[in-house]
């Protein structure tokens, strides 16, 4: 039986002061109702120990029940939104591998893969943005095909870049029983592009190119075509025997390549492309002394010693590819490879809060202070560990179905354009107090907001409270604006003039004192998102419950009557309105 929507709404309002808030899967904001942001459930948080910087990730969910928009995001360590990069003109776009880059001259830029993913293969391009979040340029594959999302690296102070791609090629796959003709192999490729020089075709000049089929035999794979129905039998279903998922560079110009389906990492000569050694897999150059790994992601060169004969490598060990497993839990590893002794030794290992296997995705990032940030792949969680291996940050995405390829942390200074300042003024009646709701998507330097009347009279100032802040005027203000204030007290930006919204008289009783905004999402499937455990925060309930008030019996009856009219519909749930407004997601 479906309950009337309004009954649920009013029941939530009436208990605003007596119940503990619960994190719901999606956030929205009074000043920015157009963005729907994933909620983060911060389960462990040691603020005094966490490495400085902002959390970067991008989402690519394909589940239609997921309400949060696919976009690149920046968050604070304690789960406050800083930047949401959803592009309304690209509603179907998926985003991967969101990164920040800083060059020697102090310039900071962002990069992200934009496109699609099908069966683990990306189809898209790399987009670069400046510190105002304006598009600088896009980077495409030099052969005219699509780029893949698994890797992108800016090298040489931004002058060159590593990009990757997958290309179907015909090959002899008779060893796998494909004998009716030549089979189809999915070749893994990477290029090093010169971003400062264009060829006659207008594309970035290729400085180095490498393809797996010329150096790695199909027989090295641990994923034979039989594990995927009809794999290798068509161009579209080409056999992905190698599956490149990261490329890093050694100090001498060689490359470290991770191939998920061969359970190996390879050192590749930066001039000839020849494989110098293999770490793991069927033809490993090293004896693994105290560990195993498989289906790994995100291999990075951490340290090099003794002229490169000893190398420390970090990587995410999935230990499971959906079929074959080599451990009971995925983990993040740091290992030392000694080429002269032909052995590899485990140095560090990190596990998720609850041990489990992630069949795909995952990342590991090491910091100068010895800390490690780990994204747990398909589990949609991430953790930070200190130099002693203590878990000092643990975060989960509250919405089931959220997909995040990698999670990173960077120092970042965001300077969005002034016209990105969003402000919403509200008063329940023309004789009520006026509430100023303001935000500036992507701004990192705001410490306070100043509220002003149309004639420039300063009404007051409020400290920055998160992505969105609220100022309460003691009297009604018909038209006003806000100014963003920096650490030195100087004005960073000014909004346009905004007229205060006053609801019609017949809605005054059902509106709150501070706003009258709600977001209820209709669902075609009737799916209701699961709720998550909550991190304690100062919040209030929808609507206007910073100054919670009881609903009158007349309002309650009116709500029930309205609910009867709409009760035949299924609703996905009521999303969180941040920073202090919350309504539980319910099955209606």
Protein backbone atom coordinates (compact mmCIF):
# COMPACT_ATOMS: atom_id res chain seq x y z
CA UNK A 1 0.00 0.00 0.00
CA UNK A 2 1.34 3.43 -0.91
CA UNK A 3 1.20 6.09 1.79
CA UNK A 4 0.30 9.64 0.82
CA UNK A 5 3.42 11.68 0.25
CA UNK A 6 2.32 14.59 2.41
CA UNK A 7 1.76 12.36 5.43
CA UNK A 8 5.36 11.26 5.25
CA UNK A 9 6.56 14.82 4.81
CA UNK A 10 4.62 16.18 7.76
CA UNK A 11 5.54 13.23 9.97
CA UNK A 12 9.16 14.06 9.32
CA UNK A 13 8.63 17.75 10.09
CA UNK A 14 6.89 17.06 13.39
CA UNK A 15 9.83 15.05 14.73
CA UNK A 16 12.50 17.49 13.63
CA UNK A 17 13.70 18.27 17.15
CA UNK A 18 13.39 14.74 18.56
CA UNK A 19 15.07 12.50 15.99
CA UNK A 20 18.72 12.19 15.01
CA UNK A 21 19.30 13.04 11.35
CA UNK A 22 20.14 10.23 8.98
CA UNK A 23 22.30 10.69 5.93
CA UNK A 24 20.31 10.18 2.78
CA UNK A 25 21.91 9.18 -0.51
CA UNK A 26 21.71 12.52 -2.32
CA UNK A 27 22.31 16.16 -1.37
CA UNK A 28 20.86 19.30 -2.86
CA UNK A 29 20.96 22.96 -1.86
CA UNK A 30 18.56 25.86 -1.48
CA UNK A 31 20.73 28.14 -3.62
CA UNK A 32 21.56 25.36 -6.13
CA UNK A 33 18.57 23.03 -6.50
CA UNK A 34 19.85 22.09 -9.96
CA UNK A 35 22.70 19.95 -8.64
CA UNK A 36 22.19 16.53 -7.04
CA UNK A 37 25.34 15.44 -5.25
CA UNK A 38 26.36 12.09 -3.72
CA UNK A 39 26.29 12.07 0.08
CA UNK A 40 29.43 10.91 1.87
CA UNK A 41 29.11 8.86 5.05
CA UNK A 42 32.24 9.80 7.03
CA UNK A 43 32.66 6.85 9.40
CA UNK A 44 36.17 7.58 10.71
CA UNK A 45 37.62 11.07 10.92
CA UNK A 46 40.77 12.12 12.82
CA UNK A 47 41.01 15.76 11.77
CA UNK A 48 44.33 16.41 13.48
CA UNK A 49 46.06 13.56 11.62
CA UNK A 50 44.67 13.68 8.08
CA UNK A 51 46.92 14.90 5.26
CA UNK A 52 45.94 18.35 3.95
CA UNK A 53 44.17 18.72 0.64
CA UNK A 54 40.82 18.11 -1.01
CA UNK A 55 39.22 14.83 -2.03
CA UNK A 56 38.82 14.45 -5.82
CA UNK A 57 36.65 11.85 -7.52
CA UNK A 58 34.30 11.53 -10.47
CA UNK A 59 31.27 9.31 -10.93
CA UNK A 60 30.10 7.15 -13.79
CA UNK A 61 27.05 5.32 -12.42
CA UNK A 62 24.97 3.43 -14.97
CA UNK A 63 22.23 2.32 -12.56
CA UNK A 64 19.10 4.34 -13.39
CA UNK A 65 18.08 4.23 -9.74
CA UNK A 66 21.07 6.41 -8.81
CA UNK A 67 19.88 9.99 -8.33
CA UNK A 68 23.21 11.77 -7.87
CA UNK A 69 24.47 13.31 -11.09
CA UNK A 70 27.50 11.85 -12.82
CA UNK A 71 30.17 14.54 -12.57
CA UNK A 72 33.64 15.38 -11.28
CA UNK A 73 33.53 16.40 -7.61
CA UNK A 74 35.76 18.03 -5.01
CA UNK A 75 35.04 17.52 -1.29
CA UNK A 76 36.69 18.46 1.97
CA UNK A 77 38.12 15.69 4.13
CA UNK A 78 35.06 15.81 6.39
CA UNK A 79 32.60 15.36 3.55
CA UNK A 80 31.59 18.92 2.61
CA UNK A 81 31.07 19.63 -1.07
CA UNK A 82 33.45 22.15 -2.65
CA UNK A 83 32.78 21.68 -6.37
CA UNK A 84 30.20 19.85 -8.46
CA UNK A 85 31.06 19.70 -12.16
CA UNK A 86 27.80 18.44 -13.65
CA UNK A 87 27.25 19.73 -17.18
CA UNK A 88 23.54 19.98 -18.11
CA UNK A 89 24.36 19.91 -21.82
CA UNK A 90 26.08 16.51 -21.38
CA UNK A 91 23.55 14.62 -19.23
CA UNK A 92 24.60 11.13 -20.38
CA UNK A 93 28.33 11.67 -19.94
CA UNK A 94 30.32 9.51 -17.51
CA UNK A 95 33.42 10.88 -15.78
CA UNK A 96 36.61 9.09 -14.75
CA UNK A 97 40.00 9.83 -13.24
CA UNK A 98 39.49 13.42 -12.02
CA UNK A 99 42.87 14.99 -11.20
CA UNK A 100 44.53 18.28 -10.25
CA UNK A 101 47.92 19.31 -11.64
CA UNK A 102 50.34 22.02 -10.54
CA UNK A 103 53.18 23.27 -12.71
CA UNK A 104 56.52 24.87 -11.84
CA UNK A 105 55.20 28.39 -12.46
CA UNK A 106 52.38 27.84 -9.95
CA UNK A 107 49.64 27.31 -12.54
CA UNK A 108 46.98 24.81 -11.49
CA UNK A 109 44.68 22.94 -13.84
CA UNK A 110 42.22 20.05 -13.73
CA UNK A 111 41.84 17.02 -15.97
CA UNK A 112 39.05 14.47 -16.32
CA UNK A 113 38.00 11.78 -18.77
CA UNK A 114 34.60 12.48 -20.33
CA UNK A 115 32.75 9.83 -22.28
CA UNK A 116 31.26 6.38 -21.79
CA UNK A 117 32.25 2.91 -20.67
CA UNK A 118 31.15 -0.37 -22.16
CA UNK A 119 32.44 -3.70 -20.82
CA UNK A 120 35.30 -1.92 -19.10
CA UNK A 121 36.40 0.00 -22.19
CA UNK A 122 36.31 3.77 -22.25
CA UNK A 123 35.20 5.79 -25.25
CA UNK A 124 35.84 9.49 -24.94
CA UNK A 125 38.46 12.18 -24.50
CA UNK A 126 40.41 14.07 -21.84
CA UNK A 127 39.22 17.56 -20.89
CA UNK A 128 41.50 20.14 -19.26
CA UNK A 129 40.16 23.04 -17.15
CA UNK A 130 41.77 26.08 -15.55
CA UNK A 131 41.42 27.09 -11.89
CA UNK A 132 38.20 28.94 -12.76
CA UNK A 133 36.75 25.64 -14.08
CA UNK A 134 36.75 26.91 -17.67
CA UNK A 135 37.57 24.45 -20.43
CA UNK A 136 41.10 24.93 -21.77
CA UNK A 137 41.18 22.17 -24.37
CA UNK A 138 40.44 18.51 -25.01
CA UNK A 139 42.91 15.73 -25.81
CA UNK A 140 42.04 12.98 -28.27
CA UNK A 141 43.71 9.79 -29.46
CA UNK A 142 46.25 10.35 -32.26
CA UNK A 143 44.83 7.56 -34.43
CA UNK A 144 41.31 8.99 -34.60
CA UNK A 145 39.78 6.40 -32.29
CA UNK A 146 38.44 7.02 -28.79
CA UNK A 147 40.62 7.32 -25.73
CA UNK A 148 40.12 5.02 -22.78
CA UNK A 149 39.58 6.27 -19.22
CA UNK A 150 42.02 4.00 -17.38
CA UNK A 151 44.98 6.36 -17.44
CA UNK A 152 46.01 9.94 -18.01
CA UNK A 153 49.28 11.48 -16.87
CA UNK A 154 50.65 14.96 -17.47
CA UNK A 155 54.45 14.86 -17.67
CA UNK A 156 57.33 17.30 -18.13
CA UNK A 157 55.58 20.17 -16.40
CA UNK A 158 52.50 19.77 -18.56
CA UNK A 159 54.33 19.62 -21.89
CA UNK A 160 53.59 15.94 -22.57
CA UNK A 161 50.87 13.47 -21.62
CA UNK A 162 50.29 9.72 -21.39
CA UNK A 163 46.97 8.53 -22.83
CA UNK A 164 45.63 5.01 -23.39
CA UNK A 165 43.23 3.23 -25.70
CA UNK A 166 41.86 -0.17 -26.72
CA UNK A 167 41.74 -1.27 -30.37
CA UNK A 168 40.31 -4.52 -31.83
CA UNK A 169 42.76 -6.31 -34.16
CA UNK A 170 42.56 -9.64 -35.97
CA UNK A 171 44.75 -12.38 -34.48
CA UNK A 172 45.34 -16.13 -34.39
CA UNK A 173 43.33 -17.35 -31.41
CA UNK A 174 43.38 -21.04 -32.33
CA UNK A 175 45.02 -21.86 -28.98
CA UNK A 176 41.68 -20.92 -27.41
CA UNK A 177 39.62 -23.05 -29.79
CA UNK A 178 38.72 -20.22 -32.16
CA UNK A 179 39.56 -21.98 -35.43
CA UNK A 180 36.81 -20.93 -37.86
CA UNK A 181 39.00 -18.01 -38.91
CA UNK A 182 41.08 -15.26 -37.43
CA UNK A 183 39.78 -14.15 -34.08
CA UNK A 184 39.54 -10.66 -32.67
CA UNK A 185 42.00 -9.47 -30.03
CA UNK A 186 41.49 -6.26 -28.04
CA UNK A 187 44.87 -4.57 -28.16
CA UNK A 188 45.96 -2.36 -25.24
CA UNK A 189 47.84 0.75 -26.33
CA UNK A 190 49.38 3.87 -24.86
CA UNK A 191 50.89 6.99 -26.36
CA UNK A 192 53.05 9.83 -25.09
CA UNK A 193 51.82 13.02 -26.75
CA UNK A 194 53.59 16.34 -27.21
CA UNK A 195 51.00 18.90 -26.11
CA UNK A 196 53.04 21.82 -27.44
CA UNK A 197 53.40 20.61 -31.02
CA UNK A 198 50.73 19.76 -33.58
CA UNK A 199 51.28 17.73 -36.73
CA UNK A 200 50.02 18.56 -40.22
CA UNK A 201 46.77 16.80 -39.34
CA UNK A 202 46.26 19.20 -36.43
CA UNK A 203 46.70 16.48 -33.82
CA UNK A 204 49.21 16.32 -30.99
CA UNK A 205 52.53 14.86 -32.13
CA UNK A 206 53.22 11.32 -30.87
CA UNK A 207 56.55 11.05 -29.05
CA UNK A 208 56.20 7.38 -28.10
CA UNK A 209 53.69 4.64 -28.92
CA UNK A 210 53.32 1.13 -27.52
CA UNK A 211 50.90 -1.74 -28.11
CA UNK A 212 50.57 -4.92 -26.08
CA UNK A 213 50.12 -7.31 -29.02
CA UNK A 214 53.71 -6.68 -30.12
CA UNK A 215 55.20 -7.62 -26.74
CA UNK A 216 52.77 -9.71 -24.67
CA UNK A 217 51.43 -13.05 -25.90
CA UNK A 218 47.73 -13.82 -25.57
CA UNK A 219 48.66 -16.99 -23.69
CA UNK A 220 49.84 -14.90 -20.73
CA UNK A 221 46.27 -13.98 -19.85
CA UNK A 222 44.46 -15.47 -16.88
CA UNK A 223 41.13 -14.57 -18.49
CA UNK A 224 40.65 -16.93 -21.47
CA UNK A 225 37.94 -16.05 -24.01
CA UNK A 226 35.73 -18.84 -22.68
CA UNK A 227 35.12 -16.80 -19.52
CA UNK A 228 33.22 -14.30 -21.63
CA UNK A 229 30.65 -15.76 -23.98
CA UNK A 230 31.74 -15.40 -27.64
CA UNK A 231 34.78 -13.27 -26.69
CA UNK A 232 37.23 -13.08 -29.58
CA UNK A 233 34.59 -13.89 -32.18
CA UNK A 234 33.73 -10.37 -33.35
CA UNK A 235 35.08 -6.84 -33.58
CA UNK A 236 32.72 -5.65 -30.86
CA UNK A 237 33.45 -8.64 -28.65
CA UNK A 238 37.24 -8.64 -29.12
CA UNK A 239 39.15 -10.67 -26.53
CA UNK A 240 40.54 -8.27 -23.91
CA UNK A 241 43.52 -10.40 -22.94
CA UNK A 242 45.75 -7.69 -21.47
CA UNK A 243 43.62 -4.78 -20.21
CA UNK A 244 46.00 -1.93 -19.51
CA UNK A 245 44.83 0.08 -16.50
CA UNK A 246 47.76 2.27 -15.47
CA UNK A 247 51.01 3.68 -16.87
CA UNK A 248 53.67 5.47 -14.85
CA UNK A 249 57.16 6.67 -15.76
CA UNK A 250 60.53 5.84 -14.22
CA UNK A 251 63.22 8.47 -13.68
CA UNK A 252 65.18 7.29 -16.75
CA UNK A 253 62.17 7.45 -19.07
CA UNK A 254 61.11 3.80 -18.92
CA UNK A 255 57.46 3.03 -18.19
CA UNK A 256 55.66 0.91 -15.60
CA UNK A 257 52.54 -0.64 -17.13
CA UNK A 258 49.85 -2.57 -15.27
CA UNK A 259 47.94 -5.26 -17.19
CA UNK A 260 44.97 -6.51 -15.19
CA UNK A 261 44.22 -9.67 -17.16
CA UNK A 262 47.80 -10.99 -17.09
CA UNK A 263 48.11 -10.28 -13.35
CA UNK A 264 51.37 -8.50 -14.08
CA UNK A 265 53.21 -5.20 -14.23
CA UNK A 266 55.89 -4.59 -16.83
CA UNK A 267 58.89 -2.31 -17.07
CA UNK A 268 58.96 -1.07 -20.66
CA UNK A 269 62.01 0.45 -22.31
CA UNK A 270 61.19 4.10 -22.96
CA UNK A 271 63.02 4.07 -26.30
CA UNK A 272 62.48 0.64 -27.85
CA UNK A 273 59.25 -0.47 -26.17
CA UNK A 274 60.82 -3.80 -25.21
CA UNK A 275 59.79 -5.40 -21.92
CA UNK A 276 62.73 -5.24 -19.49
CA UNK A 277 61.08 -7.23 -16.70
CA UNK A 278 57.70 -8.55 -15.58
CA UNK A 279 56.47 -8.31 -12.01
CA UNK A 280 53.88 -11.04 -11.43
CA UNK A 281 52.02 -13.11 -13.99
CA UNK A 282 53.01 -16.28 -15.82
CA UNK A 283 56.53 -15.11 -16.70
CA UNK A 284 57.45 -13.04 -13.68
CA UNK A 285 61.09 -11.98 -13.49
CA UNK A 286 60.89 -12.07 -9.70
CA UNK A 287 60.16 -14.51 -6.93
CA UNK A 288 57.37 -13.06 -4.78
CA UNK A 289 58.64 -13.86 -1.27
CA UNK A 290 55.74 -13.15 1.06
CA UNK A 291 52.70 -12.20 -0.99
CA UNK A 292 50.64 -12.68 -4.13
CA UNK A 293 48.43 -10.37 -6.16
CA UNK A 294 46.11 -10.42 -9.15
CA UNK A 295 43.80 -8.23 -11.25
CA UNK A 296 45.65 -5.17 -9.91
CA UNK A 297 45.06 -1.46 -10.60
CA UNK A 298 46.90 1.86 -10.30
CA UNK A 299 50.57 0.77 -10.20
CA UNK A 300 52.94 3.64 -9.32
CA UNK A 301 56.70 4.06 -8.99
CA UNK A 302 57.16 5.30 -5.42
CA UNK A 303 60.95 5.14 -5.01
CA UNK A 304 64.03 4.10 -6.99
CA UNK A 305 67.36 3.07 -5.44
CA UNK A 306 70.77 1.77 -6.57
CA UNK A 307 70.48 3.07 -10.12
CA UNK A 308 67.02 1.65 -10.52
CA UNK A 309 67.91 -1.91 -9.49
CA UNK A 310 65.61 -1.60 -6.48
CA UNK A 311 62.18 -0.10 -7.01
CA UNK A 312 59.30 0.50 -4.60
CA UNK A 313 55.90 0.14 -6.27
CA UNK A 314 52.43 0.85 -4.88
CA UNK A 315 49.28 -0.68 -6.37
CA UNK A 316 45.75 -1.80 -5.58
CA UNK A 317 45.44 -5.58 -5.38
CA UNK A 318 41.90 -6.51 -6.39
CA UNK A 319 42.76 -10.21 -5.93
CA UNK A 320 39.57 -11.01 -7.86
CA UNK A 321 38.39 -10.50 -11.41
CA UNK A 322 34.80 -11.63 -10.97
CA UNK A 323 35.70 -15.27 -11.62
CA UNK A 324 39.15 -16.09 -10.23
CA UNK A 325 40.38 -15.02 -6.80
CA UNK A 326 43.77 -15.14 -5.09
CA UNK A 327 42.78 -13.78 -1.66
CA UNK A 328 39.77 -13.33 0.60
CA UNK A 329 39.98 -9.55 0.43
CA UNK A 330 41.20 -6.81 -1.86
CA UNK A 331 43.97 -4.63 -0.43
CA UNK A 332 46.44 -1.88 -1.24
CA UNK A 333 50.07 -2.97 -1.42
CA UNK A 334 53.52 -1.41 -1.37
CA UNK A 335 56.23 -3.78 -2.61
CA UNK A 336 59.97 -3.63 -3.23
CA UNK A 337 61.31 -5.14 -6.44
CA UNK A 338 65.03 -6.04 -6.46
CA UNK A 339 66.21 -6.80 -9.98
CA UNK A 340 69.67 -8.15 -9.10
CA UNK A 341 68.28 -10.57 -6.50
CA UNK A 342 65.29 -11.32 -8.74
CA UNK A 343 62.88 -11.09 -5.85
CA UNK A 344 59.99 -8.95 -4.67
CA UNK A 345 59.06 -8.33 -1.05
CA UNK A 346 55.89 -6.91 0.50
CA UNK A 347 56.53 -3.74 2.54
CA UNK A 348 53.02 -2.53 3.45
CA UNK A 349 49.46 -3.76 3.09
CA UNK A 350 46.19 -1.95 3.78
CA UNK A 351 42.74 -3.52 4.08
CA UNK A 352 39.21 -2.07 3.97
CA UNK A 353 37.34 -1.57 7.24
CA UNK A 354 35.38 -4.72 6.45
CA UNK A 355 37.43 -7.13 4.39
CA UNK A 356 35.84 -7.93 1.05
CA UNK A 357 36.70 -8.37 -2.61
CA UNK A 358 36.38 -5.62 -5.22
CA UNK A 359 36.24 -7.26 -8.66
CA UNK A 360 37.17 -4.05 -10.46
CA UNK A 361 38.46 -0.48 -10.05
CA UNK A 362 40.48 0.73 -7.07
CA UNK A 363 43.36 3.13 -6.46
CA UNK A 364 46.23 3.87 -4.11
CA UNK A 365 47.92 7.25 -3.64
CA UNK A 366 51.03 7.83 -1.52
CA UNK A 367 51.82 11.21 0.06
CA UNK A 368 55.10 12.83 1.07
CA UNK A 369 54.19 12.55 4.77
CA UNK A 370 53.97 8.76 4.47
CA UNK A 371 50.18 8.64 4.40
CA UNK A 372 48.25 6.50 1.93
CA UNK A 373 44.83 7.12 0.37
CA UNK A 374 43.02 4.02 -0.89
CA UNK A 375 39.83 3.76 -2.93
CA UNK A 376 38.27 0.33 -2.48
CA UNK A 377 37.05 -0.08 -6.05
CA UNK A 378 33.55 -1.34 -6.68
CA UNK A 379 32.82 -1.10 -2.94
CA UNK A 380 32.54 2.72 -3.37
CA UNK A 381 34.47 3.51 -0.21
CA UNK A 382 37.83 5.12 0.51
CA UNK A 383 40.24 5.36 3.44
CA UNK A 384 43.35 7.23 4.49
CA UNK A 385 46.09 5.60 6.58
CA UNK A 386 48.91 7.32 8.46
CA UNK A 387 52.57 6.32 8.24
CA UNK A 388 52.01 3.64 10.91
CA UNK A 389 49.10 2.08 9.04
CA UNK A 390 46.37 3.50 11.30
CA UNK A 391 43.07 4.24 9.58
CA UNK A 392 42.47 7.97 10.12
CA UNK A 393 39.74 8.54 7.52
CA UNK A 394 37.08 6.15 6.30
CA UNK A 395 34.29 7.23 3.98
CA UNK A 396 31.50 5.43 2.12
CA UNK A 397 29.20 6.69 -0.61
CA UNK A 398 25.70 6.64 0.81
CA UNK A 399 23.88 5.84 -2.43
CA UNK A 400 23.89 2.25 -3.65
CA UNK A 401 25.06 1.95 -7.23
CA UNK A 402 27.59 4.81 -7.08
CA UNK A 403 30.61 4.06 -9.26
CA UNK A 404 33.98 5.76 -8.70
CA UNK A 405 37.06 4.64 -10.63
CA UNK A 406 39.71 6.40 -8.53
CA UNK A 407 39.81 8.71 -5.52
CA UNK A 408 42.66 11.22 -5.16
CA UNK A 409 43.69 14.04 -2.85
CA UNK A 410 45.37 17.27 -3.98
CA UNK A 411 46.08 20.76 -2.83
CA UNK A 412 43.82 23.07 -4.81
CA UNK A 413 42.83 26.72 -5.04
CA UNK A 414 39.57 27.21 -6.91
CA UNK A 415 38.76 30.65 -8.34
CA UNK A 416 35.36 30.35 -10.05
CA UNK A 417 33.94 33.23 -12.03
CA UNK A 418 31.92 35.82 -10.11
CA UNK A 419 28.74 35.02 -12.00
CA UNK A 420 28.83 31.53 -10.43
CA UNK A 421 27.79 33.00 -7.08
CA UNK A 422 24.30 31.67 -6.37
CA UNK A 423 21.97 33.39 -3.91
CA UNK A 424 18.36 32.80 -2.89
CA UNK A 425 16.41 35.19 -0.64
CA UNK A 426 13.31 33.96 1.19
CA UNK A 427 10.76 35.33 3.64
CA UNK A 428 7.61 33.46 4.73
CA UNK A 429 5.60 36.70 4.60
CA UNK A 430 6.36 40.30 3.72
CA UNK A 431 6.52 40.98 7.46
CA UNK A 432 8.90 38.11 8.27
CA UNK A 433 12.64 37.87 8.58
CA UNK A 434 14.54 37.36 5.33
CA UNK A 435 16.94 34.45 4.91
CA UNK A 436 19.90 34.71 2.52
CA UNK A 437 21.09 31.37 1.11
CA UNK A 438 24.37 31.57 -0.81
CA UNK A 439 27.01 29.36 -2.41
CA UNK A 440 29.87 29.67 -4.89
CA UNK A 441 30.52 26.40 -6.67
CA UNK A 442 34.24 25.58 -6.61
CA UNK A 443 35.44 28.47 -4.43
CA UNK A 444 38.05 27.44 -1.87
CA UNK A 445 39.11 30.80 -0.43
CA UNK A 446 35.81 32.06 1.01
CA UNK A 447 35.81 32.40 4.80
CA UNK A 448 32.63 34.44 5.28
CA UNK A 449 29.58 35.85 3.51
CA UNK A 450 28.33 39.43 3.80
CA UNK A 451 24.62 40.16 3.27
CA UNK A 452 23.60 43.56 1.91
CA UNK A 453 20.42 45.40 1.12
CA UNK A 454 19.75 46.75 -2.38
CA UNK A 455 21.03 50.21 -1.38
CA UNK A 456 24.35 48.76 -0.15
CA UNK A 457 23.54 48.75 3.56
CA UNK A 458 25.43 45.89 5.22
CA UNK A 459 22.96 43.73 7.13
CA UNK A 460 25.53 41.45 8.66
CA UNK A 461 28.06 38.72 8.04
CA UNK A 462 28.12 34.97 8.60
CA UNK A 463 31.04 32.57 8.61
CA UNK A 464 31.44 30.07 5.78
CA UNK A 465 29.42 27.01 6.80
CA UNK A 466 30.20 24.63 3.95
CA UNK A 467 29.15 24.59 0.32
CA UNK A 468 26.07 26.61 1.25
CA UNK A 469 25.72 29.21 4.02
CA UNK A 470 22.69 31.01 5.44
CA UNK A 471 22.28 34.51 6.88
CA UNK A 472 19.18 35.53 8.84
CA UNK A 473 18.13 39.17 8.59
CA UNK A 474 16.22 40.61 11.55
CA UNK A 475 13.69 42.28 9.25
CA UNK A 476 12.16 41.88 5.83
CA UNK A 477 14.42 42.72 2.88
CA UNK A 478 12.77 43.12 -0.51
CA UNK A 479 15.92 43.03 -2.65
CA UNK A 480 19.45 42.16 -1.62
CA UNK A 481 22.77 40.65 -2.61
CA UNK A 482 25.78 38.97 -1.03
CA UNK A 483 29.56 39.34 -1.08
CA UNK A 484 32.08 36.54 -0.61
CA UNK A 485 34.79 37.49 1.88
CA UNK A 486 38.34 36.10 1.92
CA UNK A 487 40.80 35.45 4.74
CA UNK A 488 42.13 39.01 4.65
CA UNK A 489 38.64 40.49 4.82
CA UNK A 490 38.68 41.57 1.19
CA UNK A 491 35.73 41.00 -1.11
CA UNK A 492 36.34 38.07 -3.47
CA UNK A 493 33.10 38.34 -5.42
CA UNK A 494 29.67 39.93 -5.45
CA UNK A 495 26.35 38.46 -6.55
CA UNK A 496 23.73 40.17 -8.65
CA UNK A 497 20.69 41.78 -7.04
CA UNK A 498 18.07 39.21 -6.07
CA UNK A 499 14.43 39.78 -5.18
CA UNK A 500 13.19 38.01 -2.08
CA UNK A 501 10.79 35.14 -2.71
CA UNK A 502 7.60 35.29 -0.63
CA UNK A 503 5.25 32.30 -1.01
CA UNK A 504 1.59 32.93 -1.80
CA UNK A 505 -0.67 33.33 1.22
CA UNK A 506 -2.30 29.93 0.77
CA UNK A 507 1.14 28.26 1.10
CA UNK A 508 2.45 30.30 4.04
CA UNK A 509 1.31 27.76 6.63
CA UNK A 510 2.98 24.82 4.93
CA UNK A 511 6.22 26.67 4.29
CA UNK A 512 9.01 26.93 6.80
CA UNK A 513 10.36 30.11 8.31
CA UNK A 514 13.72 29.91 6.52
CA UNK A 515 12.74 28.42 3.14
CA UNK A 516 10.06 26.49 1.32
CA UNK A 517 12.12 24.18 -0.84
CA UNK A 518 11.70 20.46 -1.30
CA UNK A 519 13.02 17.93 -3.76
CA UNK A 520 10.99 14.78 -4.33
CA UNK A 521 12.12 12.61 -7.21
CA UNK A 522 9.58 10.56 -9.21
CA UNK A 523 10.67 7.03 -10.04
CA UNK A 524 9.67 4.91 -12.99
CA UNK A 525 10.81 1.75 -11.21
CA UNK A 526 9.56 2.40 -7.70
CA UNK A 527 13.09 1.77 -6.44
CA UNK A 528 13.92 3.33 -3.09
CA UNK A 529 17.54 4.02 -2.23
CA UNK A 530 18.95 2.45 0.92
CA UNK A 531 19.77 4.68 3.85
CA UNK A 532 23.20 4.96 5.41
CA UNK A 533 24.43 5.39 8.95
CA UNK A 534 25.00 9.01 9.88
CA UNK A 535 27.94 11.15 10.85
CA UNK A 536 26.93 13.61 13.56
CA UNK A 537 26.43 17.08 12.12
CA UNK A 538 24.45 20.24 12.70
CA UNK A 539 21.49 19.93 10.36
CA UNK A 540 17.83 20.72 10.22
CA UNK A 541 14.86 19.11 8.58
CA UNK A 542 12.95 20.17 5.51
CA UNK A 543 11.36 22.63 5.57
CA UNK A 544 12.59 25.69 7.42
CA UNK A 545 13.33 23.79 10.58
CA UNK A 546 16.31 25.79 11.77
CA UNK A 547 13.45 27.26 13.78
CA UNK A 548 11.25 24.16 13.87
CA UNK A 549 7.56 24.72 14.45
CA UNK A 550 4.62 22.39 14.91
CA UNK A 551 2.21 21.98 12.02
CA UNK A 552 -1.37 23.11 12.66
CA UNK A 553 -4.16 20.55 12.45
CA UNK A 554 -5.56 22.48 9.48
CA UNK A 555 -2.24 22.18 7.69
CA UNK A 556 -2.04 18.48 8.52
CA UNK A 557 -5.52 17.79 7.14
CA UNK A 558 -4.70 19.80 4.02
CA UNK A 559 -1.55 17.77 3.58
CA UNK A 560 -3.43 14.50 3.90
CA UNK A 561 -5.95 15.58 1.26
CA UNK A 562 -3.13 16.54 -1.11
CA UNK A 563 -1.42 13.26 -0.35
CA UNK A 564 -4.50 11.26 -1.28
CA UNK A 565 -4.45 12.85 -4.72
CA UNK A 566 -0.84 11.95 -5.39
CA UNK A 567 -0.66 8.73 -3.40
CA UNK A 568 -1.07 6.52 -6.46
CA UNK A 569 2.45 7.35 -7.63
CA UNK A 570 5.70 5.80 -6.48
CA UNK A 571 8.47 8.16 -5.47
CA UNK A 572 12.13 7.44 -5.26
CA UNK A 573 12.50 9.37 -2.02
CA UNK A 574 13.17 12.77 -0.61
CA UNK A 575 16.72 13.95 -0.96
CA UNK A 576 18.81 15.83 1.55
CA UNK A 577 18.81 19.62 1.25
CA UNK A 578 22.14 20.79 2.63
CA UNK A 579 23.78 22.14 4.67
CA UNK A 580 21.36 21.77 7.54
CA UNK A 581 18.20 20.44 5.92
CA UNK A 582 17.51 16.74 5.87
CA UNK A 583 14.61 14.45 5.08
CA UNK A 584 14.74 10.69 5.22
CA UNK A 585 14.49 8.64 2.05
CA UNK A 586 11.34 6.56 2.37
CA UNK A 587 9.39 3.98 0.43
CA UNK A 588 6.10 5.61 -0.37
